[in-house]
Amino acid sequence: MRFYILRALVLKELHRHAANRGGIALGLLLIAAAVMLSVFNPAGFGGGGSSATEAASTSVVGGVQHCFVCYTRENSDVIPPLVAHLEKTVPPELRQRVRLREMNADRIKEGVYYQPGVASIRLNAYTAGGQPHLRIDVFHPPGDAAAMAPFENWLWREMRVGLQEIAEQKLKALKVTNANLPPIVAENDDLWAVRESFAALRRDADEWHAGIVPEVQITREGLGGQTLELRSAIATALVVFALYFACVYLLPTLNCEERERGVLLAQALSPASPAEILMAKFLFYPVLGGALAAVIAGIYKPAVLSTLFFWSGLFTVAAGFLGIGMTIATLAKTQRAAFMGAMCYLLSVSLVLVICSTNGIPFVSNLALEYHVPRVLHASLSGSVHSVHWLHLLAAMALAAFWLVTAGWLFKRRGWQ
């Protein structure tokens, strides 16, 4: 690589964009949006905002999309048949949203971070004072217990039915005569009615044999997946759009413009090598998009600029979008084709992600860079980075490397055509 050639090529790109008033106007609009977002959020993150304000913040996710029913089979003869009953009775409208997952006895007592839109219900059986107990913990999004209503309406009734079936089977096994438990009353009451129902079942069963039905404890805690706060979601969208605009929209469009006008061919006939031409684009567009994204993020939350996770995520996203933009640039022959290719790529990936999310299709979303990017940047901007976000960052790095290799190979084979 020759520095003076790279400098000339980068300056050429800089002069072209300096004359592009539309691109400059859009960049200024993004910065203005970040300023307004910061001005109209005086409390900020960790700035002493009230819990009521945080609880009332608009959720982009829209409640709970997926609920994990976690359980352990250890030290319990009640959990296995109860879980089997729950698996058979999940209603059709919740079948794609409910996941029953077994956990070991130690892990089920630990706190687990849940992503936005995900909640959990845990079943833990144990023995205390010689009597069986069943603890049920409902982990809902903070300040949004009502989001669990569709899942709880199903769970409480079917657990009541399942425990009564277990009690009747145990009484028959003990050869207890005249063990006719009262029929279940199908009513949709709040938790007080649920607790009373379980207590009544235990009292009825204890008349025949003590310890047949465990004592049920029900708690509600705001320890589920955090709701996706509107301001941080908008800031994340602005950062992602800045990178997408520079690397996936401008790069293919202007590259095809150079091809149509013969500028790209003239560069090929110059002393500049294909690797140097490609490197100049790699140096300019990610820097342009990354600088704009960093300005937006810094205006919204200055502290994020001092975190390694944010810069790692920003560099990874810029590299991945650069690979996608160069891939589109090499496959498109005209500016119109490049523009349509960028828009079609955005819409198709968004459609796949929405379909996979709403229908519970596993693994497919993980193959899209756009699945990991918002989670990484949102975690940085909201100041809630967990181990799962580092996994998203590693996955994004792998996908970014794939797109860069693909773009380089395609540009070498047909970048001049």
Protein backbone atom coordinates (compact mmCIF):
# COMPACT_ATOMS: atom_id res chain seq x y z
CA MET A 1 0.00 0.00 0.00
CA ARG A 2 1.38 3.42 -1.03
CA PHE A 3 0.42 6.22 1.31
CA TYR A 4 0.37 9.03 -1.27
CA ILE A 5 -2.03 7.07 -3.49
CA LEU A 6 -4.31 6.24 -0.58
CA ARG A 7 -4.27 9.90 0.47
CA ALA A 8 -5.22 11.04 -3.05
CA LEU A 9 -8.06 8.53 -3.28
CA VAL A 10 -9.43 9.42 0.15
CA LEU A 11 -9.27 13.15 -0.64
CA LYS A 12 -11.13 12.44 -3.87
CA GLU A 13 -13.95 10.82 -1.88
CA LEU A 14 -13.92 13.71 0.60
CA HIS A 15 -14.26 16.36 -2.13
CA ARG A 16 -17.13 14.45 -3.74
CA HIS A 17 -19.07 14.31 -0.48
CA ALA A 18 -18.29 17.92 0.37
CA ALA A 19 -20.18 18.85 -2.80
CA ASN A 20 -23.07 16.52 -1.92
CA ARG A 21 -25.48 18.93 -0.22
CA GLY A 22 -28.16 16.29 0.27
CA GLY A 23 -25.85 14.02 2.24
CA ILE A 24 -24.63 16.94 4.37
CA ALA A 25 -28.21 18.01 5.08
CA LEU A 26 -29.18 14.50 6.15
CA GLY A 27 -26.18 14.29 8.47
CA LEU A 28 -27.11 17.61 10.07
CA LEU A 29 -30.68 16.43 10.51
CA LEU A 30 -29.46 13.31 12.33
CA ILE A 31 -27.34 15.45 14.63
CA ALA A 32 -30.28 17.79 15.24
CA ALA A 33 -32.45 14.79 16.13
CA ALA A 34 -29.84 13.64 18.66
CA VAL A 35 -29.72 17.14 20.17
CA MET A 36 -33.51 17.23 20.53
CA LEU A 37 -33.50 13.74 22.02
CA SER A 38 -30.95 14.88 24.61
CA VAL A 39 -32.65 18.20 25.37
CA PHE A 40 -36.04 16.60 25.96
CA ASN A 41 -34.57 13.99 28.33
CA PRO A 42 -33.40 16.13 31.24
CA ALA A 43 -33.37 13.25 33.71
CA GLY A 44 -31.11 11.19 31.50
CA PHE A 45 -29.98 7.69 32.39
CA GLY A 46 -29.13 7.38 36.01
CA GLY A 47 -29.91 11.07 36.43
CA GLY A 48 -32.36 10.60 39.25
CA GLY A 49 -35.49 9.97 37.20
CA SER A 50 -38.34 8.63 39.25
CA SER A 51 -39.30 5.00 39.09
CA ALA A 52 -42.77 6.05 38.03
CA THR A 53 -41.33 7.86 35.05
CA GLU A 54 -39.20 4.86 34.13
CA ALA A 55 -42.14 2.52 34.51
CA ALA A 56 -44.28 4.76 32.33
CA SER A 57 -41.71 4.94 29.54
CA THR A 58 -43.02 3.68 26.25
CA SER A 59 -42.09 0.13 25.38
CA VAL A 60 -41.15 -0.47 21.76
CA VAL A 61 -41.26 -4.22 22.29
CA GLY A 62 -44.93 -4.11 23.25
CA GLY A 63 -45.01 -6.30 26.37
CA VAL A 64 -43.83 -9.90 26.57
CA GLN A 65 -43.33 -11.88 23.39
CA HIS A 66 -41.77 -15.01 24.90
CA CYS A 67 -42.17 -16.61 28.30
CA PHE A 68 -39.89 -19.33 29.66
CA VAL A 69 -41.45 -21.74 32.15
CA CYS A 70 -38.37 -23.01 33.99
CA TYR A 71 -38.46 -26.01 36.32
CA THR A 72 -36.27 -28.61 38.00
CA ARG A 73 -37.08 -32.30 38.38
CA GLU A 74 -34.71 -32.75 41.32
CA ASN A 75 -36.18 -33.73 44.69
CA SER A 76 -39.76 -33.70 43.44
CA ASP A 77 -42.33 -36.22 42.32
CA VAL A 78 -44.81 -33.44 41.51
CA ILE A 79 -42.90 -31.44 38.90
CA PRO A 80 -42.60 -34.14 36.15
CA PRO A 81 -46.35 -34.90 35.82
CA LEU A 82 -47.18 -31.23 36.30
CA VAL A 83 -44.85 -30.17 33.49
CA ALA A 84 -46.24 -32.93 31.26
CA HIS A 85 -49.72 -31.55 31.88
CA LEU A 86 -48.61 -27.99 31.09
CA GLU A 87 -46.97 -29.08 27.84
CA LYS A 88 -50.24 -30.64 26.67
CA THR A 89 -52.42 -27.69 27.58
CA VAL A 90 -50.58 -24.71 26.10
CA PRO A 91 -53.27 -22.85 24.08
CA PRO A 92 -52.69 -22.43 20.33
CA GLU A 93 -52.27 -18.65 20.57
CA LEU A 94 -49.39 -19.11 23.03
CA ARG A 95 -47.74 -22.20 21.56
CA GLN A 96 -45.07 -20.20 19.72
CA ARG A 97 -44.48 -17.91 22.70
CA VAL A 98 -44.17 -20.35 25.61
CA ARG A 99 -41.02 -22.42 26.17
CA LEU A 100 -40.73 -25.01 28.93
CA ARG A 101 -37.10 -25.36 29.98
CA GLU A 102 -35.51 -27.61 32.58
CA MET A 103 -32.84 -26.17 34.87
CA ASN A 104 -30.76 -27.63 37.66
CA ALA A 105 -31.73 -26.94 41.26
CA ASP A 106 -28.91 -24.44 41.88
CA ARG A 107 -29.38 -22.38 38.74
CA ILE A 108 -33.12 -22.02 39.14
CA LYS A 109 -32.49 -20.03 42.33
CA GLU A 110 -30.08 -17.61 40.64
CA GLY A 111 -31.00 -14.33 38.98
CA VAL A 112 -30.92 -14.45 35.19
CA TYR A 113 -30.87 -11.48 32.80
CA TYR A 114 -33.66 -11.52 30.24
CA GLN A 115 -33.66 -9.59 26.99
CA PRO A 116 -36.43 -7.06 26.27
CA GLY A 117 -39.72 -8.79 25.53
CA VAL A 118 -38.78 -11.96 27.47
CA ALA A 119 -40.12 -13.02 30.87
CA SER A 120 -39.99 -16.13 33.00
CA ILE A 121 -42.01 -18.27 35.41
CA ARG A 122 -40.05 -20.64 37.64
CA LEU A 123 -41.27 -23.75 39.41
CA ASN A 124 -39.14 -24.96 42.30
CA ALA A 125 -40.17 -27.85 44.56
CA TYR A 126 -38.55 -28.46 47.94
CA THR A 127 -39.26 -30.03 51.34
CA ALA A 128 -39.46 -28.01 54.55
CA GLY A 129 -40.57 -29.28 57.94
CA GLY A 130 -41.27 -32.67 56.46
CA GLN A 131 -43.86 -31.20 54.08
CA PRO A 132 -43.57 -30.69 50.30
CA HIS A 133 -43.55 -27.12 48.99
CA LEU A 134 -43.86 -25.69 45.48
CA ARG A 135 -42.50 -22.18 44.89
CA ILE A 136 -43.71 -20.27 41.82
CA ASP A 137 -41.81 -17.10 40.86
CA VAL A 138 -43.21 -14.82 38.16
CA PHE A 139 -40.52 -12.55 36.66
CA HIS A 140 -42.28 -9.83 34.67
CA PRO A 141 -40.92 -6.64 33.05
CA PRO A 142 -40.43 -3.96 35.72
CA GLY A 143 -43.56 -1.90 36.16
CA ASP A 144 -45.53 -4.01 33.70
CA ALA A 145 -47.02 -6.97 35.54
CA ALA A 146 -50.06 -6.87 33.25
CA ALA A 147 -47.86 -7.99 30.33
CA MET A 148 -47.88 -11.48 31.85
CA ALA A 149 -51.68 -11.74 31.88
CA PRO A 150 -52.03 -14.04 28.82
CA PHE A 151 -49.47 -16.45 30.25
CA GLU A 152 -50.75 -16.37 33.82
CA ASN A 153 -54.36 -16.90 32.77
CA TRP A 154 -53.27 -20.17 31.21
CA LEU A 155 -50.73 -21.19 33.85
CA TRP A 156 -52.80 -20.78 37.01
CA ARG A 157 -55.77 -22.73 35.79
CA GLU A 158 -53.77 -25.57 34.27
CA MET A 159 -51.53 -25.84 37.33
CA ARG A 160 -54.68 -26.08 39.47
CA VAL A 161 -56.04 -28.81 37.22
CA GLY A 162 -52.70 -30.61 37.07
CA LEU A 163 -52.18 -30.60 40.85
CA GLN A 164 -55.68 -31.94 41.42
CA GLU A 165 -55.06 -34.77 38.96
CA ILE A 166 -51.80 -35.58 40.76
CA ALA A 167 -53.57 -35.55 44.12
CA GLU A 168 -56.31 -37.90 42.89
CA GLN A 169 -53.75 -40.31 41.45
CA LYS A 170 -51.77 -40.35 44.72
CA LEU A 171 -54.89 -40.94 46.78
CA LYS A 172 -55.85 -43.86 44.56
CA ALA A 173 -52.34 -45.29 44.88
CA LEU A 174 -52.69 -45.10 48.66
CA LYS A 175 -56.05 -46.89 48.33
CA VAL A 176 -57.89 -44.12 50.11
CA THR A 177 -61.62 -44.76 49.75
CA ASN A 178 -64.19 -42.04 49.03
CA ALA A 179 -61.46 -39.59 48.00
CA ASN A 180 -63.65 -37.39 45.83
CA LEU A 181 -62.16 -33.92 45.52
CA PRO A 182 -64.53 -31.04 44.67
CA PRO A 183 -64.65 -30.06 40.99
CA ILE A 184 -62.61 -27.11 39.83
CA VAL A 185 -64.46 -23.80 39.51
CA ALA A 186 -63.52 -22.11 36.22
CA GLU A 187 -63.19 -18.45 37.20
CA ASN A 188 -60.71 -15.79 36.13
CA ASP A 189 -59.72 -14.21 39.43
CA ASP A 190 -56.60 -12.42 40.58
CA LEU A 191 -53.85 -14.02 42.62
CA TRP A 192 -55.81 -14.04 45.87
CA ALA A 193 -58.27 -16.43 44.27
CA VAL A 194 -55.43 -18.54 42.94
CA ARG A 195 -53.83 -18.83 46.36
CA GLU A 196 -57.16 -19.68 47.97
CA SER A 197 -57.79 -22.28 45.30
CA PHE A 198 -54.48 -23.98 46.01
CA ALA A 199 -55.07 -23.77 49.75
CA ALA A 200 -58.56 -25.25 49.40
CA LEU A 201 -57.17 -28.12 47.35
CA ARG A 202 -54.54 -28.78 50.02
CA ARG A 203 -57.14 -28.72 52.78
CA ASP A 204 -59.41 -31.12 50.92
CA ALA A 205 -56.55 -33.52 50.20
CA ASP A 206 -55.20 -33.36 53.78
CA GLU A 207 -58.51 -34.68 55.07
CA TRP A 208 -57.58 -38.00 53.52
CA HIS A 209 -53.80 -37.99 53.84
CA ALA A 210 -51.42 -35.21 54.94
CA GLY A 211 -48.72 -34.03 52.56
CA ILE A 212 -50.41 -35.10 49.32
CA VAL A 213 -50.48 -31.57 47.87
CA PRO A 214 -47.57 -29.16 48.47
CA GLU A 215 -48.11 -25.73 49.98
CA VAL A 216 -48.03 -23.25 47.10
CA GLN A 217 -46.31 -19.86 47.38
CA ILE A 218 -46.85 -17.24 44.67
CA THR A 219 -44.80 -14.06 44.28
CA ARG A 220 -44.59 -11.31 41.72
CA GLU A 221 -41.33 -9.48 41.14
CA GLY A 222 -40.14 -6.97 38.56
CA LEU A 223 -37.05 -8.95 37.59
CA GLY A 224 -37.95 -10.00 34.09
CA GLY A 225 -36.72 -8.57 30.82
CA GLN A 226 -36.37 -4.80 30.82
CA THR A 227 -38.77 -2.91 28.61
CA LEU A 228 -37.12 -1.23 25.65
CA GLU A 229 -37.16 2.44 26.69
CA LEU A 230 -38.24 4.71 23.84
CA ARG A 231 -35.44 7.32 23.99
CA SER A 232 -32.60 4.81 24.03
CA ALA A 233 -34.31 2.89 21.21
CA ILE A 234 -34.52 6.06 19.11
CA ALA A 235 -30.87 6.88 19.83
CA THR A 236 -29.89 3.35 18.78
CA ALA A 237 -31.89 3.73 15.57
CA LEU A 238 -30.15 7.03 14.77
CA VAL A 239 -26.71 5.50 15.29
CA VAL A 240 -27.53 2.46 13.16
CA PHE A 241 -29.05 4.62 10.43
CA ALA A 242 -25.96 6.86 10.29
CA LEU A 243 -23.78 3.82 9.63
CA TYR A 244 -26.27 2.31 7.20
CA PHE A 245 -26.60 5.56 5.28
CA ALA A 246 -22.84 5.96 4.82
CA CYS A 247 -21.86 2.34 4.13
CA VAL A 248 -24.90 0.65 2.58
CA TYR A 249 -26.54 3.55 0.74
CA LEU A 250 -23.88 6.11 -0.25
CA LEU A 251 -21.11 3.63 -1.01
CA PRO A 252 -23.01 1.48 -3.57
CA THR A 253 -24.72 4.48 -5.17
CA LEU A 254 -21.55 6.53 -5.65
CA ASN A 255 -19.51 3.51 -6.66
CA CYS A 256 -22.01 2.77 -9.44
CA GLU A 257 -21.92 6.44 -10.43
CA GLU A 258 -18.15 6.16 -10.85
CA ARG A 259 -18.63 3.04 -12.96
CA GLU A 260 -21.24 4.72 -15.19
CA ARG A 261 -19.08 7.82 -15.75
CA GLY A 262 -15.92 5.83 -16.35
CA VAL A 263 -14.19 7.20 -13.24
CA LEU A 264 -13.72 3.73 -11.82
CA LEU A 265 -12.12 2.54 -15.06
CA ALA A 266 -9.85 5.59 -15.07
CA GLN A 267 -8.71 4.70 -11.57
CA ALA A 268 -8.01 1.16 -12.73
CA LEU A 269 -5.78 2.52 -15.52
CA SER A 270 -3.96 4.79 -13.06
CA PRO A 271 -0.96 3.68 -10.97
CA ALA A 272 -3.39 2.81 -8.17
CA SER A 273 -3.82 -0.93 -7.64
CA PRO A 274 -7.25 -2.56 -7.07
CA ALA A 275 -6.28 -3.21 -3.45
CA GLU A 276 -5.47 0.47 -2.93
CA ILE A 277 -8.74 1.61 -4.52
CA LEU A 278 -10.65 -0.80 -2.33
CA MET A 279 -8.69 0.18 0.78
CA ALA A 280 -9.40 3.88 0.18
CA LYS A 281 -13.12 3.14 0.22
CA PHE A 282 -12.67 0.99 3.29
CA LEU A 283 -10.91 3.87 5.03
CA PHE A 284 -13.36 6.60 4.03
CA TYR A 285 -16.93 5.29 4.36
CA PRO A 286 -16.66 3.53 7.75
CA VAL A 287 -14.85 6.59 9.15
CA LEU A 288 -17.56 8.89 7.78
CA GLY A 289 -20.42 6.78 9.15
CA GLY A 290 -18.60 5.99 12.39
CA ALA A 291 -17.80 9.66 13.06
CA LEU A 292 -21.43 10.66 12.48
CA ALA A 293 -22.65 7.80 14.68
CA ALA A 294 -20.18 8.72 17.44
CA VAL A 295 -21.31 12.35 17.37
CA ILE A 296 -24.95 11.27 17.69
CA ALA A 297 -24.16 8.88 20.54
CA GLY A 298 -21.96 11.47 22.27
CA ILE A 299 -24.66 14.14 22.12
CA TYR A 300 -27.23 11.75 23.55
CA LYS A 301 -24.99 10.21 26.23
CA PRO A 302 -21.42 11.57 26.47
CA ALA A 303 -20.31 8.86 28.91
CA VAL A 304 -20.74 6.17 26.25
CA LEU A 305 -17.72 7.52 24.34
CA SER A 306 -15.43 6.34 27.15
CA THR A 307 -16.55 2.69 27.02
CA LEU A 308 -14.67 -0.01 25.15
CA PHE A 309 -17.84 -1.95 24.43
CA PHE A 310 -19.37 0.95 22.50
CA TRP A 311 -16.31 1.48 20.30
CA SER A 312 -15.96 -2.25 19.69
CA GLY A 313 -19.59 -2.41 18.66
CA LEU A 314 -19.33 0.71 16.50
CA PHE A 315 -16.26 -0.59 14.67
CA THR A 316 -17.89 -3.97 14.13
CA VAL A 317 -21.10 -2.47 12.78
CA ALA A 318 -19.20 -0.14 10.45
CA ALA A 319 -17.12 -3.03 9.11
CA GLY A 320 -20.17 -5.23 8.60
CA PHE A 321 -22.18 -2.54 6.84
CA LEU A 322 -19.14 -1.73 4.70
CA GLY A 323 -19.01 -5.33 3.53
CA ILE A 324 -22.73 -5.31 2.76
CA GLY A 325 -22.44 -2.01 0.87
CA MET A 326 -19.48 -3.20 -1.21
CA THR A 327 -21.29 -6.44 -2.01
CA ILE A 328 -24.27 -4.48 -3.32
CA ALA A 329 -21.94 -2.12 -5.20
CA THR A 330 -20.26 -4.99 -7.06
CA LEU A 331 -23.55 -6.71 -7.95
CA ALA A 332 -25.40 -3.57 -9.10
CA LYS A 333 -24.59 -2.06 -12.51
CA THR A 334 -26.34 1.32 -12.19
CA GLN A 335 -27.10 3.88 -9.51
CA ARG A 336 -30.77 2.97 -9.64
CA ALA A 337 -29.95 -0.71 -9.17
CA ALA A 338 -27.67 0.12 -6.25
CA PHE A 339 -30.37 2.20 -4.57
CA MET A 340 -33.01 -0.48 -5.08
CA GLY A 341 -30.58 -3.15 -3.93
CA ALA A 342 -29.91 -1.33 -0.66
CA MET A 343 -33.62 -0.79 -0.01
CA CYS A 344 -34.55 -4.37 -0.93
CA TYR A 345 -31.83 -5.70 1.35
CA LEU A 346 -33.09 -3.59 4.25
CA LEU A 347 -36.73 -4.58 3.75
CA SER A 348 -36.02 -8.28 3.21
CA VAL A 349 -33.84 -8.61 6.31
CA SER A 350 -36.37 -6.68 8.40
CA LEU A 351 -39.16 -8.94 7.16
CA VAL A 352 -37.21 -12.10 8.01
CA LEU A 353 -36.41 -10.83 11.51
CA VAL A 354 -40.05 -9.92 12.17
CA ILE A 355 -41.29 -13.31 10.94
CA CYS A 356 -38.75 -15.19 13.05
CA SER A 357 -39.56 -13.13 16.14
CA THR A 358 -43.34 -13.39 15.92
CA ASN A 359 -43.35 -17.11 15.06
CA GLY A 360 -40.59 -18.24 17.38
CA ILE A 361 -38.35 -19.55 14.57
CA PRO A 362 -34.94 -20.27 16.15
CA PHE A 363 -31.39 -19.72 14.81
CA VAL A 364 -32.34 -17.99 11.54
CA SER A 365 -32.21 -14.51 13.09
CA ASN A 366 -28.71 -15.15 14.39
CA LEU A 367 -27.43 -15.26 10.79
CA ALA A 368 -28.31 -11.59 10.24
CA LEU A 369 -25.95 -8.83 11.29
CA GLU A 370 -28.99 -6.61 11.90
CA TYR A 371 -30.17 -8.99 14.63
CA HIS A 372 -27.07 -8.44 16.78
CA VAL A 373 -26.29 -4.80 15.94
CA PRO A 374 -29.25 -3.09 17.72
CA ARG A 375 -28.74 -5.20 20.84
CA VAL A 376 -25.06 -4.28 21.07
CA LEU A 377 -25.58 -0.55 20.53
CA HIS A 378 -28.68 -0.35 22.69
CA ALA A 379 -26.84 -2.02 25.57
CA SER A 380 -24.08 0.58 25.22
CA LEU A 381 -26.43 3.56 25.09
CA SER A 382 -28.62 2.34 27.95
CA GLY A 383 -25.66 1.38 30.13
CA SER A 384 -26.90 -2.19 30.66
CA VAL A 385 -24.20 -4.42 29.19
CA HIS A 386 -24.45 -8.07 30.21
CA SER A 387 -22.63 -11.22 29.19
CA VAL A 388 -25.22 -11.96 26.51
CA HIS A 389 -24.34 -8.68 24.79
CA TRP A 390 -20.70 -9.73 24.51
CA LEU A 391 -21.93 -12.87 22.75
CA HIS A 392 -23.92 -10.69 20.36
CA LEU A 393 -20.76 -8.62 19.76
CA LEU A 394 -18.71 -11.74 18.94
CA ALA A 395 -21.42 -12.96 16.56
CA ALA A 396 -21.53 -9.53 14.90
CA MET A 397 -17.73 -9.61 14.46
CA ALA A 398 -17.93 -13.00 12.75
CA LEU A 399 -20.70 -11.82 10.40
CA ALA A 400 -18.81 -8.58 9.66
CA ALA A 401 -15.71 -10.59 8.71
CA PHE A 402 -17.83 -12.75 6.42
CA TRP A 403 -19.28 -9.72 4.62
CA LEU A 404 -15.85 -8.10 4.24
CA VAL A 405 -14.34 -11.24 2.73
CA THR A 406 -17.33 -11.63 0.40
CA ALA A 407 -17.12 -7.98 -0.69
CA GLY A 408 -13.38 -8.20 -1.38
CA TRP A 409 -13.76 -11.38 -3.41
CA LEU A 410 -16.65 -9.99 -5.48
CA PHE A 411 -14.89 -6.67 -6.10
CA LYS A 412 -11.78 -8.46 -7.31
CA ARG A 413 -13.79 -10.63 -9.73
CA ARG A 414 -16.33 -8.16 -11.13
CA GLY A 415 -15.82 -4.78 -9.46
CA TRP A 416 -14.80 -3.15 -12.75
CA GLN A 417 -17.63 -4.54 -14.87
